[in-house]
Amino acid sequence: MKIATWNVNSLKARKEHVLRWLAENKPAVLMIQELKGTDFPTQDIESAGYHAAFVAQKAYNGVAILSRVAPEVVCDRLPGDDSDDQARYLEVTINGIRLINIYAPNGNPVDSEKFLYKQAWLARLKNRLTSLRAGHVPFLVGGDFNIIPADGDCHDPKAWSGDALFRPESRAA
């Protein structure tokens, strides 16, 4: 089964690229991040032979899971904070497997509420995944984690040293 993930940085701007890529590569599942809008091209996706589940918000964030098999939405918000309305998490079941698409917070600047939100969000994600493992639920997580896991994952580690994506707290999450 071919499963792919792609941060499109605006589905509206990249729709034709996504449709062409789907036609050329024919994945079973495509996880998309940064929809950046609520106008989802459902008809175009269905015409390409895919079902879609998505959670979106105006101008920011947003994630979608496109699948050859209709996904069953389990939750469209990361559990653990009912006040968090950012469209960053989508959990579906397809053929008995839980698929989770995330667009983790960037967290910059580090000396702001944004970094604290990122850390809290990643802690909630860890709690959710721990819960799924404890329940023996088979799952796969894809998406944009907004973390540089190791120095070798970027061209110039020194240039990233103060960035939230590179911070030890983010890496440890």
C-alpha atoms as a PDB file:
ATOM      1  CA  MET A   1       0.000   0.000   0.000  1.00  0.00           C
ATOM      2  CA  LYS A   2       1.444   3.346  -1.037  1.00  0.00           C
ATOM      3  CA  ILE A   3       0.827   6.104   1.526  1.00  0.00           C
ATOM      4  CA  ALA A   4       2.244   9.583   0.957  1.00  0.00           C
ATOM      5  CA  THR A   5       2.256  12.872   2.832  1.00  0.00           C
ATOM      6  CA  TRP A   6       2.610  16.383   1.394  1.00  0.00           C
ATOM      7  CA  ASN A   7       2.614  19.853   2.922  1.00  0.00           C
ATOM      8  CA  VAL A   8       1.029  21.731   0.018  1.00  0.00           C
ATOM      9  CA  ASN A   9       1.153  25.207   1.639  1.00  0.00           C
ATOM     10  CA  SER A  10      -2.290  26.110   0.183  1.00  0.00           C
ATOM     11  CA  LEU A  11      -4.403  23.492  -1.543  1.00  0.00           C
ATOM     12  CA  LYS A  12      -6.098  26.196  -3.585  1.00  0.00           C
ATOM     13  CA  ALA A  13      -2.739  27.222  -5.065  1.00  0.00           C
ATOM     14  CA  ARG A  14      -1.541  23.619  -5.554  1.00  0.00           C
ATOM     15  CA  LYS A  15      -4.761  21.812  -6.507  1.00  0.00           C
ATOM     16  CA  GLU A  16      -3.707  21.086 -10.093  1.00  0.00           C
ATOM     17  CA  HIS A  17      -0.315  19.808  -8.899  1.00  0.00           C
ATOM     18  CA  VAL A  18      -2.009  17.521  -6.375  1.00  0.00           C
ATOM     19  CA  LEU A  19      -4.466  16.155  -8.945  1.00  0.00           C
ATOM     20  CA  ARG A  20      -1.664  15.535 -11.447  1.00  0.00           C
ATOM     21  CA  TRP A  21       0.464  13.848  -8.777  1.00  0.00           C
ATOM     22  CA  LEU A  22      -2.446  11.603  -7.768  1.00  0.00           C
ATOM     23  CA  ALA A  23      -2.980  10.571 -11.401  1.00  0.00           C
ATOM     24  CA  GLU A  24       0.706   9.845 -11.960  1.00  0.00           C
ATOM     25  CA  ASN A  25       1.482   8.087  -8.663  1.00  0.00           C
ATOM     26  CA  LYS A  26      -1.847   6.509  -7.694  1.00  0.00           C
ATOM     27  CA  PRO A  27      -1.255   6.233  -3.943  1.00  0.00           C
ATOM     28  CA  ALA A  28      -3.777   4.397  -1.800  1.00  0.00           C
ATOM     29  CA  VAL A  29      -3.668   7.346   0.617  1.00  0.00           C
ATOM     30  CA  LEU A  30      -2.404  10.922   0.461  1.00  0.00           C
ATOM     31  CA  MET A  31      -2.155  12.990   3.638  1.00  0.00           C
ATOM     32  CA  ILE A  32      -2.113  16.735   2.957  1.00  0.00           C
ATOM     33  CA  GLN A  33      -1.118  19.530   5.352  1.00  0.00           C
ATOM     34  CA  GLU A  34      -1.566  23.312   5.265  1.00  0.00           C
ATOM     35  CA  LEU A  35      -4.792  23.461   3.294  1.00  0.00           C
ATOM     36  CA  LYS A  36      -4.989  27.168   4.242  1.00  0.00           C
ATOM     37  CA  GLY A  37      -8.673  27.620   3.573  1.00  0.00           C
ATOM     38  CA  THR A  38     -12.129  26.132   3.956  1.00  0.00           C
ATOM     39  CA  ASP A  39     -12.976  25.789   0.252  1.00  0.00           C
ATOM     40  CA  PHE A  40     -12.102  22.109  -0.252  1.00  0.00           C
ATOM     41  CA  PRO A  41     -12.242  20.756  -3.845  1.00  0.00           C
ATOM     42  CA  THR A  42     -14.343  17.693  -3.003  1.00  0.00           C
ATOM     43  CA  GLN A  43     -15.696  17.199  -6.534  1.00  0.00           C
ATOM     44  CA  ASP A  44     -12.233  17.349  -8.098  1.00  0.00           C
ATOM     45  CA  ILE A  45     -10.884  14.858  -5.565  1.00  0.00           C
ATOM     46  CA  GLU A  46     -13.812  12.490  -6.143  1.00  0.00           C
ATOM     47  CA  SER A  47     -13.392  12.811  -9.926  1.00  0.00           C
ATOM     48  CA  ALA A  48      -9.781  11.704  -9.434  1.00  0.00           C
ATOM     49  CA  GLY A  49     -11.061   8.536  -7.739  1.00  0.00           C
ATOM     50  CA  TYR A  50     -10.507   9.484  -4.115  1.00  0.00           C
ATOM     51  CA  HIS A  51     -12.615   9.974  -1.022  1.00  0.00           C
ATOM     52  CA  ALA A  52     -11.660  12.821   1.293  1.00  0.00           C
ATOM     53  CA  ALA A  53     -11.835  13.599   4.981  1.00  0.00           C
ATOM     54  CA  PHE A  54     -10.587  17.005   6.025  1.00  0.00           C
ATOM     55  CA  VAL A  55     -10.560  19.600   8.757  1.00  0.00           C
ATOM     56  CA  ALA A  56      -9.940  23.172   7.695  1.00  0.00           C
ATOM     57  CA  GLN A  57      -9.918  26.745   8.884  1.00  0.00           C
ATOM     58  CA  LYS A  58      -9.832  30.072   7.125  1.00  0.00           C
ATOM     59  CA  ALA A  59      -6.357  31.057   5.853  1.00  0.00           C
ATOM     60  CA  TYR A  60      -4.349  28.797   8.209  1.00  0.00           C
ATOM     61  CA  ASN A  61      -3.505  25.187   8.952  1.00  0.00           C
ATOM     62  CA  GLY A  62      -5.835  22.428   7.757  1.00  0.00           C
ATOM     63  CA  VAL A  63      -5.237  18.729   7.066  1.00  0.00           C
ATOM     64  CA  ALA A  64      -6.845  16.204   4.743  1.00  0.00           C
ATOM     65  CA  ILE A  65      -6.671  12.483   4.086  1.00  0.00           C
ATOM     66  CA  LEU A  66      -7.452  11.356   0.550  1.00  0.00           C
ATOM     67  CA  SER A  67      -8.061   7.657   0.090  1.00  0.00           C
ATOM     68  CA  ARG A  68      -9.220   5.164  -2.527  1.00  0.00           C
ATOM     69  CA  VAL A  69     -11.364   3.638   0.246  1.00  0.00           C
ATOM     70  CA  ALA A  70     -13.810   5.863   2.126  1.00  0.00           C
ATOM     71  CA  PRO A  71     -12.224   6.826   5.458  1.00  0.00           C
ATOM     72  CA  GLU A  72     -14.190   6.705   8.691  1.00  0.00           C
ATOM     73  CA  VAL A  73     -13.425   9.833  10.729  1.00  0.00           C
ATOM     74  CA  VAL A  74     -12.528   9.016  14.333  1.00  0.00           C
ATOM     75  CA  CYS A  75     -11.697  12.556  15.456  1.00  0.00           C
ATOM     76  CA  ASP A  76     -10.905  15.865  13.820  1.00  0.00           C
ATOM     77  CA  ARG A  77      -9.185  17.527  16.764  1.00  0.00           C
ATOM     78  CA  LEU A  78      -6.261  16.357  18.855  1.00  0.00           C
ATOM     79  CA  PRO A  79      -7.781  15.131  22.128  1.00  0.00           C
ATOM     80  CA  GLY A  80      -6.803  16.747  25.400  1.00  0.00           C
ATOM     81  CA  ASP A  81      -7.795  20.404  25.007  1.00  0.00           C
ATOM     82  CA  ASP A  82     -11.386  21.213  24.075  1.00  0.00           C
ATOM     83  CA  SER A  83     -10.499  24.889  23.625  1.00  0.00           C
ATOM     84  CA  ASP A  84      -7.969  24.181  20.839  1.00  0.00           C
ATOM     85  CA  ASP A  85      -9.755  24.915  17.569  1.00  0.00           C
ATOM     86  CA  GLN A  86      -6.735  24.887  15.252  1.00  0.00           C
ATOM     87  CA  ALA A  87      -7.172  22.508  12.290  1.00  0.00           C
ATOM     88  CA  ARG A  88      -3.999  20.463  12.809  1.00  0.00           C
ATOM     89  CA  TYR A  89      -5.108  16.873  13.421  1.00  0.00           C
ATOM     90  CA  LEU A  90      -7.234  14.301  11.645  1.00  0.00           C
ATOM     91  CA  GLU A  91      -7.646  10.674  12.650  1.00  0.00           C
ATOM     92  CA  VAL A  92      -9.461   8.183  10.429  1.00  0.00           C
ATOM     93  CA  THR A  93      -9.815   4.436  10.044  1.00  0.00           C
ATOM     94  CA  ILE A  94      -9.250   2.794   6.672  1.00  0.00           C
ATOM     95  CA  ASN A  95      -9.398  -0.987   6.351  1.00  0.00           C
ATOM     96  CA  GLY A  96      -8.915  -1.446  10.101  1.00  0.00           C
ATOM     97  CA  ILE A  97      -5.842   0.787  10.325  1.00  0.00           C
ATOM     98  CA  ARG A  98      -5.900   4.135  12.088  1.00  0.00           C
ATOM     99  CA  LEU A  99      -4.308   6.852   9.971  1.00  0.00           C
ATOM    100  CA  ILE A 100      -3.371  10.109  11.672  1.00  0.00           C
ATOM    101  CA  ASN A 101      -2.431  13.220   9.728  1.00  0.00           C
ATOM    102  CA  ILE A 102      -0.820  16.058  11.668  1.00  0.00           C
ATOM    103  CA  TYR A 103       0.385  19.563  11.026  1.00  0.00           C
ATOM    104  CA  ALA A 104       2.299  20.302  14.220  1.00  0.00           C
ATOM    105  CA  PRO A 105       2.695  23.916  15.352  1.00  0.00           C
ATOM    106  CA  ASN A 106       5.820  25.751  14.211  1.00  0.00           C
ATOM    107  CA  GLY A 107       6.440  27.241  17.658  1.00  0.00           C
ATOM    108  CA  ASN A 108       8.341  30.366  16.679  1.00  0.00           C
ATOM    109  CA  PRO A 109       9.379  32.610  18.206  1.00  0.00           C
ATOM    110  CA  VAL A 110      10.736  30.448  21.005  1.00  0.00           C
ATOM    111  CA  ASP A 111      10.224  33.127  23.677  1.00  0.00           C
ATOM    112  CA  SER A 112       6.476  33.307  23.042  1.00  0.00           C
ATOM    113  CA  GLU A 113       3.166  31.579  23.721  1.00  0.00           C
ATOM    114  CA  LYS A 114       3.579  29.879  20.330  1.00  0.00           C
ATOM    115  CA  PHE A 115       6.460  27.768  21.629  1.00  0.00           C
ATOM    116  CA  LEU A 116       4.524  26.846  24.767  1.00  0.00           C
ATOM    117  CA  TYR A 117       1.557  25.879  22.579  1.00  0.00           C
ATOM    118  CA  LYS A 118       3.822  23.699  20.430  1.00  0.00           C
ATOM    119  CA  GLN A 119       5.172  21.891  23.487  1.00  0.00           C
ATOM    120  CA  ALA A 120       1.685  21.350  24.918  1.00  0.00           C
ATOM    121  CA  TRP A 121       0.401  20.164  21.520  1.00  0.00           C
ATOM    122  CA  LEU A 122       3.248  17.659  21.151  1.00  0.00           C
ATOM    123  CA  ALA A 123       2.609  16.383  24.696  1.00  0.00           C
ATOM    124  CA  ARG A 124      -1.059  15.840  23.794  1.00  0.00           C
ATOM    125  CA  LEU A 125      -0.004  14.016  20.630  1.00  0.00           C
ATOM    126  CA  LYS A 126       2.272  11.755  22.648  1.00  0.00           C
ATOM    127  CA  ASN A 127      -0.589  11.041  25.064  1.00  0.00           C
ATOM    128  CA  ARG A 128      -2.919  10.167  22.189  1.00  0.00           C
ATOM    129  CA  LEU A 129      -0.430   7.818  20.553  1.00  0.00           C
ATOM    130  CA  THR A 130       0.365   6.190  23.900  1.00  0.00           C
ATOM    131  CA  SER A 131      -3.361   5.609  24.399  1.00  0.00           C
ATOM    132  CA  LEU A 132      -3.715   4.015  20.966  1.00  0.00           C
ATOM    133  CA  ARG A 133      -0.734   1.737  21.604  1.00  0.00           C
ATOM    134  CA  ALA A 134      -2.131   0.706  24.976  1.00  0.00           C
ATOM    135  CA  GLY A 135      -5.397  -0.199  23.244  1.00  0.00           C
ATOM    136  CA  HIS A 136      -3.520  -2.238  20.617  1.00  0.00           C
ATOM    137  CA  VAL A 137      -4.892  -0.075  17.825  1.00  0.00           C
ATOM    138  CA  PRO A 138      -2.741  -0.378  14.683  1.00  0.00           C
ATOM    139  CA  PHE A 139      -1.893   3.134  13.516  1.00  0.00           C
ATOM    140  CA  LEU A 140       0.312   5.166  11.225  1.00  0.00           C
ATOM    141  CA  VAL A 141       1.158   8.831  11.775  1.00  0.00           C
ATOM    142  CA  GLY A 142       2.120  11.097   8.901  1.00  0.00           C
ATOM    143  CA  GLY A 143       2.289  14.791   8.278  1.00  0.00           C
ATOM    144  CA  ASP A 144       4.425  17.811   9.013  1.00  0.00           C
ATOM    145  CA  PHE A 145       5.953  17.498  12.468  1.00  0.00           C
ATOM    146  CA  ASN A 146       7.765  20.871  12.295  1.00  0.00           C
ATOM    147  CA  ILE A 147      10.790  19.317  13.995  1.00  0.00           C
ATOM    148  CA  ILE A 148      14.348  18.928  12.730  1.00  0.00           C
ATOM    149  CA  PRO A 149      15.175  15.600  14.424  1.00  0.00           C
ATOM    150  CA  ALA A 150      18.974  15.677  14.028  1.00  0.00           C
ATOM    151  CA  ASP A 151      21.739  17.995  12.858  1.00  0.00           C
ATOM    152  CA  GLY A 152      22.119  15.977   9.656  1.00  0.00           C
ATOM    153  CA  ASP A 153      18.518  16.762   8.709  1.00  0.00           C
ATOM    154  CA  CYS A 154      19.357  20.356   7.805  1.00  0.00           C
ATOM    155  CA  HIS A 155      22.047  22.023   5.733  1.00  0.00           C
ATOM    156  CA  ASP A 156      23.371  24.379   8.410  1.00  0.00           C
ATOM    157  CA  PRO A 157      22.606  23.381  12.025  1.00  0.00           C
ATOM    158  CA  LYS A 158      24.126  26.600  13.407  1.00  0.00           C
ATOM    159  CA  ALA A 159      21.668  28.668  11.375  1.00  0.00           C
ATOM    160  CA  TRP A 160      18.777  26.760  12.981  1.00  0.00           C
ATOM    161  CA  SER A 161      20.100  26.729  16.573  1.00  0.00           C
ATOM    162  CA  GLY A 162      17.576  29.232  17.962  1.00  0.00           C
ATOM    163  CA  ASP A 163      14.604  27.987  15.951  1.00  0.00           C
ATOM    164  CA  ALA A 164      11.713  26.104  17.575  1.00  0.00           C
ATOM    165  CA  LEU A 165      12.041  23.331  14.981  1.00  0.00           C
ATOM    166  CA  PHE A 166      15.606  22.647  16.160  1.00  0.00           C
ATOM    167  CA  ARG A 167      15.199  23.088  19.921  1.00  0.00           C
ATOM    168  CA  PRO A 168      16.006  20.142  22.220  1.00  0.00           C
ATOM    169  CA  GLU A 169      12.512  20.408  23.730  1.00  0.00           C
ATOM    170  CA  SER A 170      10.958  19.846  20.306  1.00  0.00           C
ATOM    171  CA  ARG A 171      13.334  17.019  19.450  1.00  0.00           C
ATOM    172  CA  ALA A 172      12.624  15.269  22.752  1.00  0.00           C
ATOM    173  CA  ALA A 173       8.874  15.381  22.237  1.00  0.00           C
END
